N, C-alpha and C. Protein backbone atom coordinates (compact mmCIF):
# COMPACT_ATOMS: atom_id res chain seq x y z
N MET A 1 67.62 25.25 -31.02
CA MET A 1 68.68 24.62 -31.77
C MET A 1 68.02 23.70 -32.80
N HIS A 2 68.32 23.91 -34.06
CA HIS A 2 67.64 23.16 -35.11
C HIS A 2 68.50 22.09 -35.76
N TYR A 3 69.73 21.95 -35.28
CA TYR A 3 70.64 20.95 -35.83
C TYR A 3 71.50 20.40 -34.71
N TYR A 4 71.76 19.09 -34.74
CA TYR A 4 72.72 18.50 -33.81
C TYR A 4 73.38 17.32 -34.50
N SER A 5 74.60 17.04 -34.06
CA SER A 5 75.35 15.91 -34.58
C SER A 5 74.81 14.62 -33.96
N PHE A 6 74.69 13.59 -34.77
CA PHE A 6 74.16 12.32 -34.28
C PHE A 6 75.16 11.21 -34.60
N ASN A 7 75.71 10.61 -33.56
CA ASN A 7 76.69 9.54 -33.72
C ASN A 7 75.95 8.20 -33.65
N ILE A 8 75.81 7.55 -34.78
CA ILE A 8 75.04 6.31 -34.87
C ILE A 8 75.65 5.22 -33.99
N ALA A 9 76.97 5.10 -33.99
CA ALA A 9 77.63 4.04 -33.19
C ALA A 9 77.38 4.26 -31.70
N ASP A 10 77.51 5.49 -31.22
CA ASP A 10 77.25 5.77 -29.81
C ASP A 10 75.80 5.47 -29.46
N TYR A 11 74.89 5.88 -30.34
CA TYR A 11 73.47 5.65 -30.08
C TYR A 11 73.19 4.15 -29.98
N ARG A 12 73.67 3.40 -30.94
CA ARG A 12 73.42 1.95 -30.93
C ARG A 12 74.03 1.27 -29.71
N LYS A 13 75.22 1.70 -29.32
CA LYS A 13 75.90 1.13 -28.15
C LYS A 13 75.07 1.37 -26.88
N ASP A 14 74.51 2.54 -26.76
CA ASP A 14 73.78 2.92 -25.54
C ASP A 14 72.33 2.47 -25.53
N THR A 15 71.79 2.07 -26.68
CA THR A 15 70.35 1.81 -26.76
C THR A 15 69.99 0.41 -27.25
N SER A 16 70.94 -0.50 -27.27
CA SER A 16 70.67 -1.83 -27.81
C SER A 16 69.59 -2.58 -27.04
N HIS A 17 69.32 -2.17 -25.82
CA HIS A 17 68.32 -2.83 -24.98
C HIS A 17 66.89 -2.31 -25.20
N LEU A 18 66.73 -1.26 -26.00
CA LEU A 18 65.42 -0.65 -26.17
C LEU A 18 64.54 -1.41 -27.15
N SER A 19 63.25 -1.39 -26.88
CA SER A 19 62.27 -1.93 -27.83
C SER A 19 62.06 -0.89 -28.93
N PRO A 20 61.44 -1.26 -30.04
CA PRO A 20 61.19 -0.28 -31.10
C PRO A 20 60.41 0.95 -30.61
N ILE A 21 59.40 0.78 -29.78
CA ILE A 21 58.64 1.94 -29.29
C ILE A 21 59.51 2.80 -28.39
N GLU A 22 60.40 2.18 -27.63
CA GLU A 22 61.31 2.96 -26.78
C GLU A 22 62.33 3.74 -27.61
N HIS A 23 62.77 3.16 -28.74
CA HIS A 23 63.64 3.91 -29.65
C HIS A 23 62.90 5.13 -30.16
N TYR A 24 61.66 4.96 -30.59
CA TYR A 24 60.86 6.09 -31.07
C TYR A 24 60.77 7.16 -30.00
N ILE A 25 60.44 6.76 -28.79
CA ILE A 25 60.27 7.71 -27.68
C ILE A 25 61.58 8.45 -27.42
N TYR A 26 62.67 7.71 -27.34
CA TYR A 26 63.95 8.34 -27.03
C TYR A 26 64.37 9.32 -28.12
N ARG A 27 64.26 8.93 -29.38
CA ARG A 27 64.64 9.84 -30.48
C ARG A 27 63.74 11.07 -30.50
N PHE A 28 62.46 10.91 -30.25
CA PHE A 28 61.55 12.05 -30.22
C PHE A 28 61.92 12.98 -29.08
N LEU A 29 62.21 12.40 -27.90
CA LEU A 29 62.60 13.23 -26.75
C LEU A 29 63.90 13.98 -27.01
N ILE A 30 64.85 13.33 -27.67
CA ILE A 30 66.11 14.00 -28.02
C ILE A 30 65.81 15.21 -28.92
N ASP A 31 65.03 14.99 -29.98
CA ASP A 31 64.69 16.07 -30.90
C ASP A 31 63.96 17.20 -30.18
N TRP A 32 62.99 16.85 -29.35
CA TRP A 32 62.22 17.83 -28.60
C TRP A 32 63.14 18.67 -27.71
N TYR A 33 64.04 18.01 -27.02
CA TYR A 33 64.95 18.68 -26.10
C TYR A 33 65.83 19.68 -26.86
N TYR A 34 66.43 19.24 -27.96
CA TYR A 34 67.28 20.14 -28.75
C TYR A 34 66.47 21.29 -29.33
N LEU A 35 65.30 21.00 -29.85
CA LEU A 35 64.50 22.05 -30.49
C LEU A 35 64.04 23.10 -29.49
N ASP A 36 63.55 22.68 -28.33
CA ASP A 36 63.06 23.62 -27.32
C ASP A 36 64.17 24.14 -26.41
N GLU A 37 65.31 23.47 -26.41
CA GLU A 37 66.44 23.82 -25.55
C GLU A 37 66.01 23.92 -24.09
N SER A 38 65.21 22.96 -23.68
CA SER A 38 64.74 22.94 -22.29
C SER A 38 64.42 21.50 -21.89
N PRO A 39 64.42 21.23 -20.57
CA PRO A 39 64.15 19.88 -20.10
C PRO A 39 62.77 19.37 -20.51
N ILE A 40 62.63 18.07 -20.50
CA ILE A 40 61.35 17.43 -20.78
C ILE A 40 60.46 17.61 -19.54
N PRO A 41 59.21 18.03 -19.72
CA PRO A 41 58.34 18.25 -18.56
C PRO A 41 58.16 16.99 -17.71
N LYS A 42 57.98 17.19 -16.42
CA LYS A 42 57.76 16.07 -15.50
C LYS A 42 56.36 15.50 -15.63
N GLU A 43 55.43 16.25 -16.16
CA GLU A 43 54.05 15.81 -16.34
C GLU A 43 53.98 14.82 -17.51
N THR A 44 53.88 13.53 -17.19
CA THR A 44 53.95 12.50 -18.24
C THR A 44 52.78 12.56 -19.21
N GLN A 45 51.61 12.98 -18.77
CA GLN A 45 50.46 13.06 -19.69
C GLN A 45 50.74 14.07 -20.79
N GLN A 46 51.37 15.17 -20.45
CA GLN A 46 51.74 16.18 -21.45
C GLN A 46 52.74 15.59 -22.45
N VAL A 47 53.68 14.82 -21.95
CA VAL A 47 54.70 14.20 -22.81
C VAL A 47 54.06 13.15 -23.71
N ILE A 48 53.23 12.30 -23.13
CA ILE A 48 52.53 11.27 -23.91
C ILE A 48 51.74 11.90 -25.05
N ARG A 49 51.04 12.98 -24.74
CA ARG A 49 50.23 13.66 -25.77
C ARG A 49 51.11 14.24 -26.86
N ARG A 50 52.19 14.90 -26.49
CA ARG A 50 53.07 15.52 -27.50
C ARG A 50 53.74 14.46 -28.38
N LEU A 51 54.00 13.29 -27.82
CA LEU A 51 54.61 12.21 -28.60
C LEU A 51 53.57 11.45 -29.42
N GLY A 52 52.29 11.72 -29.20
CA GLY A 52 51.24 11.04 -29.94
C GLY A 52 51.05 9.60 -29.51
N LEU A 53 51.32 9.32 -28.24
CA LEU A 53 51.22 7.96 -27.72
C LEU A 53 49.95 7.79 -26.93
N GLY A 54 49.55 6.55 -26.72
CA GLY A 54 48.42 6.23 -25.87
C GLY A 54 48.89 5.98 -24.44
N SER A 55 47.95 5.93 -23.52
CA SER A 55 48.30 5.72 -22.12
C SER A 55 48.93 4.35 -21.88
N ASP A 56 48.75 3.43 -22.83
CA ASP A 56 49.38 2.12 -22.70
C ASP A 56 50.90 2.17 -22.90
N ASN A 57 51.42 3.33 -23.26
CA ASN A 57 52.87 3.48 -23.46
C ASN A 57 53.56 4.22 -22.33
N ILE A 58 52.86 4.46 -21.23
CA ILE A 58 53.46 5.18 -20.11
C ILE A 58 54.68 4.43 -19.57
N GLN A 59 54.61 3.12 -19.47
CA GLN A 59 55.76 2.36 -18.96
C GLN A 59 56.96 2.49 -19.88
N HIS A 60 56.73 2.50 -21.19
CA HIS A 60 57.84 2.68 -22.14
C HIS A 60 58.48 4.05 -21.95
N LEU A 61 57.65 5.08 -21.80
CA LEU A 61 58.16 6.42 -21.55
C LEU A 61 58.96 6.45 -20.25
N THR A 62 58.42 5.86 -19.21
CA THR A 62 59.10 5.82 -17.91
C THR A 62 60.45 5.12 -18.03
N ASN A 63 60.49 4.01 -18.76
CA ASN A 63 61.76 3.30 -18.97
C ASN A 63 62.81 4.20 -19.60
N VAL A 64 62.42 4.91 -20.65
CA VAL A 64 63.35 5.79 -21.36
C VAL A 64 63.80 6.94 -20.46
N LEU A 65 62.85 7.57 -19.79
CA LEU A 65 63.21 8.68 -18.90
C LEU A 65 64.16 8.21 -17.81
N ASN A 66 63.91 7.05 -17.23
CA ASN A 66 64.77 6.54 -16.16
C ASN A 66 66.15 6.13 -16.66
N ASP A 67 66.22 5.62 -17.90
CA ASP A 67 67.50 5.18 -18.46
C ASP A 67 68.41 6.33 -18.89
N PHE A 68 67.83 7.41 -19.42
CA PHE A 68 68.64 8.42 -20.10
C PHE A 68 68.54 9.84 -19.54
N PHE A 69 67.60 10.08 -18.67
CA PHE A 69 67.37 11.43 -18.17
C PHE A 69 67.44 11.45 -16.65
N GLU A 70 67.66 12.64 -16.11
CA GLU A 70 67.67 12.84 -14.66
C GLU A 70 66.50 13.75 -14.30
N CYS A 71 65.69 13.31 -13.36
CA CYS A 71 64.54 14.10 -12.94
C CYS A 71 65.00 15.20 -11.99
N THR A 72 64.69 16.44 -12.33
CA THR A 72 65.02 17.59 -11.50
C THR A 72 63.75 18.39 -11.26
N GLU A 73 63.84 19.44 -10.47
CA GLU A 73 62.67 20.27 -10.22
C GLU A 73 62.20 20.98 -11.48
N ASN A 74 63.09 21.14 -12.46
CA ASN A 74 62.74 21.81 -13.72
C ASN A 74 62.28 20.85 -14.81
N GLY A 75 62.27 19.56 -14.54
CA GLY A 75 61.91 18.56 -15.53
C GLY A 75 63.03 17.56 -15.69
N TYR A 76 62.92 16.75 -16.73
CA TYR A 76 63.92 15.71 -17.00
C TYR A 76 65.04 16.31 -17.85
N ILE A 77 66.26 16.26 -17.32
CA ILE A 77 67.40 16.78 -18.06
C ILE A 77 68.24 15.64 -18.62
N HIS A 78 68.94 15.95 -19.68
CA HIS A 78 69.85 15.01 -20.33
C HIS A 78 71.21 15.70 -20.36
N LYS A 79 72.16 15.18 -19.62
CA LYS A 79 73.45 15.86 -19.43
C LYS A 79 74.18 16.12 -20.74
N ARG A 80 74.21 15.15 -21.62
CA ARG A 80 74.92 15.34 -22.91
C ARG A 80 74.26 16.43 -23.73
N ILE A 81 72.93 16.43 -23.77
CA ILE A 81 72.24 17.45 -24.55
C ILE A 81 72.47 18.83 -23.92
N GLU A 82 72.43 18.91 -22.60
CA GLU A 82 72.71 20.18 -21.91
C GLU A 82 74.09 20.70 -22.29
N GLU A 83 75.09 19.81 -22.34
CA GLU A 83 76.44 20.21 -22.72
C GLU A 83 76.48 20.71 -24.15
N GLU A 84 75.79 20.01 -25.05
CA GLU A 84 75.76 20.42 -26.46
C GLU A 84 75.08 21.77 -26.64
N ILE A 85 73.99 21.99 -25.95
CA ILE A 85 73.27 23.27 -26.05
C ILE A 85 74.14 24.40 -25.49
N SER A 86 74.81 24.14 -24.38
CA SER A 86 75.69 25.14 -23.79
C SER A 86 76.83 25.50 -24.75
N ALA A 87 77.44 24.48 -25.37
CA ALA A 87 78.51 24.73 -26.33
C ALA A 87 77.99 25.51 -27.53
N TYR A 88 76.80 25.21 -27.96
CA TYR A 88 76.16 25.92 -29.07
C TYR A 88 75.99 27.40 -28.75
N HIS A 89 75.57 27.71 -27.54
CA HIS A 89 75.37 29.11 -27.13
C HIS A 89 76.70 29.83 -26.93
N ASP A 90 77.74 29.08 -26.58
CA ASP A 90 79.06 29.68 -26.40
C ASP A 90 79.68 30.11 -27.72
N ARG A 91 79.25 29.49 -28.82
CA ARG A 91 79.82 29.83 -30.13
C ARG A 91 79.28 31.10 -30.63
């Protein structure tokens, strides 16, 4: 999926507690999820590398994953994104 609707007001309402690096991480993870149409891998080193972050940002990544994603056996899922991808495939 190469396009998704982005509601600025909803994003700001849900993310006002994030630091600037956490905003970067969350937006990158959202884009990655939509583009690959699959959960974020559970292997954090792989995620850190793909985001271009250093190991000093693992806690920031963990914060974002815990706040917005659910850890499953297939990786970290995001319910809203899953719904959007499903609706996209239904069209």
